[in-house]
Amino acid sequence: MISGFDRIILDVPDLHAARRDYEVLLGPLADADQIRLANVDIQLQAAGHPGPAGIRGLDLRDDALPPGSIEPLNTDTRKLALARTHFRDAGYSDCHTRTGIYAVDHVVLQSNDADDCIRLFNRDLGLRLALDQEVPEWGGRMLFFRHGKMTLEVIQSTRQPPEQDFFWGITYLCRDIDETVAVLDASGVAHSPIRTGRKPGTRVTTIKSHCLGLPTLVIGPD
């Protein structure tokens, strides 16, 4: 049974450069090119081809599996890299980084079929569908699958749907966004000015460097 998100797999063209940048943003990585945040692990792996970094896939934690297990999932029509794994214990783990970033709030999946995503993630895999809403101002639909203290956000644009589903971006959580931005400034990390977040009671900043070219947001309480 799926109890939460286990790992986010990032494909990178240059492991050494990716490790250097992500250590500025998130702190020291383990020898396995991995960092353990409070609610999920970030795993870097060599893409084996040139080009930009990307979110390769998601591992979903199944506590019934032996520790260290990996069982790829057949996602048929969605063609996503998903697996049942067991690398973490259930629940939050204590996490303190130099920048104050401590967890992943959500990962964004761009899709051309929101209904089929509901079938896959909710009915087949058991992830809780927390919200399903139409967004007429930009001509689309948003799904939020909340499971184990992290969210998978699915966006379906009805105007320009992608030919194939792909993981698009990532949003991190911090405890104090002013303190986090001060550390990022001192470390030479480029970012947008802090602004009011879409979620009430939050403020956010967009990370523009040291993020492997991935659309990256940091969100904190107001």
Protein backbone atom coordinates (compact mmCIF):
# COMPACT_ATOMS: atom_id res chain seq x y z
CA MET A 1 0.00 0.00 0.00
CA ILE A 2 1.32 3.43 -0.96
CA SER A 3 1.99 5.51 2.16
CA GLY A 4 3.66 8.55 0.61
CA PHE A 5 6.29 9.83 -1.77
CA ASP A 6 9.71 8.22 -1.35
CA ARG A 7 12.09 9.80 -3.88
CA ILE A 8 12.12 12.41 -6.64
CA ILE A 9 14.53 11.28 -9.37
CA LEU A 10 16.36 14.06 -11.23
CA ASP A 11 18.18 13.30 -14.49
CA VAL A 12 21.19 15.61 -14.89
CA PRO A 13 23.71 15.88 -17.75
CA ASP A 14 26.65 16.54 -15.39
CA LEU A 15 26.53 14.93 -11.94
CA HIS A 16 29.45 16.93 -10.57
CA ALA A 17 27.97 20.29 -11.61
CA ALA A 18 24.50 19.29 -10.41
CA ARG A 19 25.83 18.21 -7.05
CA ARG A 20 27.74 21.48 -6.67
CA ASP A 21 24.66 23.60 -7.43
CA TYR A 22 22.22 21.61 -5.32
CA GLU A 23 24.54 21.62 -2.32
CA VAL A 24 24.36 25.43 -2.39
CA LEU A 25 20.56 25.28 -2.49
CA LEU A 26 19.82 22.30 -0.23
CA GLY A 27 23.00 21.43 1.66
CA PRO A 28 25.45 18.49 1.49
CA LEU A 29 24.41 15.44 -0.51
CA ALA A 30 25.12 11.90 0.62
CA ASP A 31 27.62 9.72 -1.22
CA ALA A 32 24.75 8.29 -3.27
CA ASP A 33 24.09 11.76 -4.80
CA GLN A 34 21.03 12.06 -2.62
CA ILE A 35 19.67 14.50 -0.08
CA ARG A 36 17.09 13.58 2.52
CA LEU A 37 14.52 16.28 3.17
CA ALA A 38 11.81 16.07 5.80
CA ASN A 39 9.24 14.37 3.57
CA VAL A 40 11.06 13.00 0.51
CA ASP A 41 14.52 12.19 -0.87
CA ILE A 42 16.00 14.02 -3.87
CA GLN A 43 18.06 11.62 -6.00
CA LEU A 44 20.45 12.88 -8.69
CA GLN A 45 21.36 10.51 -11.50
CA ALA A 46 23.36 10.86 -14.71
CA ALA A 47 21.07 11.28 -17.70
CA GLY A 48 23.50 9.64 -20.11
CA HIS A 49 22.81 12.25 -22.77
CA PRO A 50 23.34 16.02 -23.21
CA GLY A 51 20.54 18.46 -22.63
CA PRO A 52 18.79 20.12 -19.71
CA ALA A 53 18.13 18.45 -16.38
CA GLY A 54 14.66 17.13 -15.74
CA ILE A 55 12.49 15.30 -13.25
CA ARG A 56 12.87 11.72 -14.43
CA GLY A 57 10.22 10.21 -12.20
CA LEU A 58 8.70 9.63 -8.79
CA ASP A 59 9.12 6.76 -6.37
CA LEU A 60 6.10 5.99 -4.19
CA ARG A 61 6.79 4.52 -0.76
CA ASP A 62 5.30 1.09 -0.08
CA ASP A 63 6.11 0.11 3.51
CA ALA A 64 5.19 -3.51 2.77
CA LEU A 65 8.27 -3.85 0.54
CA PRO A 66 11.65 -4.82 2.01
CA PRO A 67 13.89 -1.77 2.61
CA GLY A 68 15.82 -0.81 -0.52
CA SER A 69 13.28 -2.40 -2.88
CA ILE A 70 12.35 -0.95 -6.27
CA GLU A 71 9.36 -2.22 -8.26
CA PRO A 72 8.67 -0.25 -11.48
CA LEU A 73 5.01 0.52 -12.11
CA ASN A 74 3.24 0.10 -15.44
CA THR A 75 1.71 3.51 -16.14
CA ASP A 76 0.46 2.48 -19.62
CA THR A 77 -1.22 5.47 -21.27
CA ARG A 78 0.57 8.08 -19.15
CA LYS A 79 4.10 6.74 -19.88
CA LEU A 80 5.54 8.08 -16.62
CA ALA A 81 8.52 6.73 -14.72
CA LEU A 82 6.92 5.63 -11.45
CA ALA A 83 7.97 2.91 -9.04
CA ARG A 84 7.02 1.41 -5.71
CA THR A 85 10.03 1.68 -3.41
CA HIS A 86 11.01 1.58 0.23
CA PHE A 87 13.95 3.85 1.07
CA ARG A 88 12.47 6.05 3.81
CA ASP A 89 10.55 5.49 7.00
CA ALA A 90 6.98 6.76 7.18
CA GLY A 91 6.33 10.34 8.26
CA TYR A 92 8.52 13.42 8.58
CA SER A 93 12.19 13.21 9.46
CA ASP A 94 14.05 16.07 11.11
CA CYS A 95 15.76 18.24 8.50
CA HIS A 96 17.85 21.37 8.96
CA THR A 97 19.65 22.97 6.01
CA ARG A 98 21.77 26.09 5.83
CA THR A 99 19.18 27.81 3.64
CA GLY A 100 16.21 26.81 5.79
CA ILE A 101 14.65 24.74 2.98
CA TYR A 102 13.40 21.61 4.71
CA ALA A 103 10.81 19.81 2.53
CA VAL A 104 9.13 19.59 -0.87
CA ASP A 105 5.68 21.17 -1.00
CA HIS A 106 4.73 19.84 -4.42
CA VAL A 107 5.91 18.55 -7.78
CA VAL A 108 4.15 19.68 -10.96
CA LEU A 109 3.10 17.28 -13.72
CA GLN A 110 1.96 18.67 -17.07
CA SER A 111 -0.63 16.32 -18.59
CA ASN A 112 -2.93 16.09 -21.59
CA ASP A 113 -5.57 14.02 -19.77
CA ALA A 114 -6.59 14.97 -16.23
CA ASP A 115 -9.27 12.28 -16.08
CA ASP A 116 -6.75 9.55 -16.83
CA CYS A 117 -4.44 10.98 -14.16
CA ILE A 118 -7.29 10.58 -11.67
CA ARG A 119 -7.64 6.98 -12.80
CA LEU A 120 -3.91 6.31 -12.37
CA PHE A 121 -3.04 8.21 -9.21
CA ASN A 122 -6.30 8.01 -7.29
CA ARG A 123 -8.10 4.84 -8.31
CA ASP A 124 -5.12 2.64 -9.21
CA LEU A 125 -2.45 3.89 -6.77
CA GLY A 126 -4.63 5.22 -3.95
CA LEU A 127 -3.30 8.79 -3.76
CA ARG A 128 -5.85 11.12 -2.19
CA LEU A 129 -7.38 13.58 -4.66
CA ALA A 130 -7.51 16.68 -2.47
CA LEU A 131 -8.77 19.11 -5.12
CA ASP A 132 -10.03 19.08 -8.71
CA GLN A 133 -10.67 22.53 -10.12
CA GLU A 134 -11.22 24.24 -13.45
CA VAL A 135 -9.12 27.37 -14.07
CA PRO A 136 -11.00 29.30 -16.79
CA GLU A 137 -8.68 32.33 -16.69
CA TRP A 138 -5.92 30.34 -18.40
CA GLY A 139 -8.02 27.60 -19.91
CA GLY A 140 -7.10 24.57 -17.89
CA ARG A 141 -7.72 22.17 -15.05
CA MET A 142 -5.69 21.49 -11.90
CA LEU A 143 -5.59 18.36 -9.76
CA PHE A 144 -3.92 18.09 -6.36
CA PHE A 145 -3.02 14.63 -5.09
CA ARG A 146 -2.04 14.93 -1.43
CA HIS A 147 -0.33 11.95 0.15
CA GLY A 148 2.18 11.62 2.98
CA LYS A 149 2.85 15.35 3.54
CA MET A 150 3.59 16.12 -0.13
CA THR A 151 1.45 17.02 -3.12
CA LEU A 152 1.52 16.06 -6.78
CA GLU A 153 -0.01 18.93 -8.75
CA VAL A 154 -1.33 18.00 -12.20
CA ILE A 155 -1.96 20.74 -14.75
CA GLN A 156 -3.92 20.10 -17.93
CA SER A 157 -3.95 23.00 -20.36
CA THR A 158 -6.93 22.68 -22.67
CA ARG A 159 -5.45 25.31 -25.00
CA GLN A 160 -1.98 23.82 -25.48
CA PRO A 161 -1.85 20.32 -23.97
CA PRO A 162 1.53 18.55 -24.17
CA GLU A 163 1.88 15.64 -26.57
CA GLN A 164 3.08 13.51 -23.66
CA ASP A 165 2.88 13.95 -19.89
CA PHE A 166 6.04 15.22 -18.20
CA PHE A 167 7.17 16.35 -14.75
CA TRP A 168 7.72 20.09 -15.03
CA GLY A 169 8.77 21.77 -11.77
CA ILE A 170 9.26 21.58 -8.03
CA THR A 171 8.35 23.77 -5.05
CA TYR A 172 10.29 23.65 -1.78
CA LEU A 173 9.20 24.69 1.70
CA CYS A 174 11.17 26.94 4.04
CA ARG A 175 10.48 28.05 7.60
CA ASP A 176 11.25 31.76 7.15
CA ILE A 177 11.47 33.09 3.62
CA ASP A 178 13.27 36.29 4.62
CA GLU A 179 16.03 34.30 6.31
CA THR A 180 16.18 31.84 3.41
CA VAL A 181 16.52 34.63 0.84
CA ALA A 182 19.24 36.29 2.93
CA VAL A 183 21.27 33.05 2.88
CA LEU A 184 20.62 32.60 -0.85
CA ASP A 185 21.83 36.15 -1.48
CA ALA A 186 25.01 35.52 0.49
CA SER A 187 25.57 32.34 -1.52
CA GLY A 188 25.14 34.02 -4.90
CA VAL A 189 21.85 32.33 -5.77
CA ALA A 190 19.72 34.36 -8.19
CA HIS A 191 16.03 34.63 -7.40
CA SER A 192 12.97 36.80 -7.96
CA PRO A 193 11.78 39.36 -5.42
CA ILE A 194 9.63 37.86 -2.67
CA ARG A 195 5.95 38.09 -3.54
CA THR A 196 2.60 37.00 -2.11
CA GLY A 197 1.91 33.33 -2.80
CA ARG A 198 -1.16 31.89 -4.49
CA LYS A 199 -1.99 30.06 -1.25
CA PRO A 200 -3.30 32.45 1.42
CA GLY A 201 -0.80 33.19 4.18
CA THR A 202 2.30 32.42 2.12
CA ARG A 203 5.09 34.26 0.34
CA VAL A 204 7.24 32.84 -2.43
CA THR A 205 10.36 33.40 -4.49
CA THR A 206 11.35 31.87 -7.83
CA ILE A 207 14.85 30.40 -7.90
CA LYS A 208 16.78 31.40 -11.04
CA SER A 209 20.18 29.77 -10.53
CA HIS A 210 21.64 26.67 -8.81
CA CYS A 211 18.40 24.81 -9.63
CA LEU A 212 19.61 22.72 -12.59
CA GLY A 213 17.39 24.70 -14.94
CA LEU A 214 14.25 23.22 -13.37
CA PRO A 215 11.33 25.57 -12.68
CA THR A 216 11.83 25.97 -8.92
CA LEU A 217 9.86 27.87 -6.31
CA VAL A 218 10.42 28.33 -2.57
CA ILE A 219 7.39 28.96 -0.38
CA GLY A 220 7.24 30.05 3.25
CA PRO A 221 4.67 31.30 5.77
CA ASP A 222 3.74 34.98 5.67
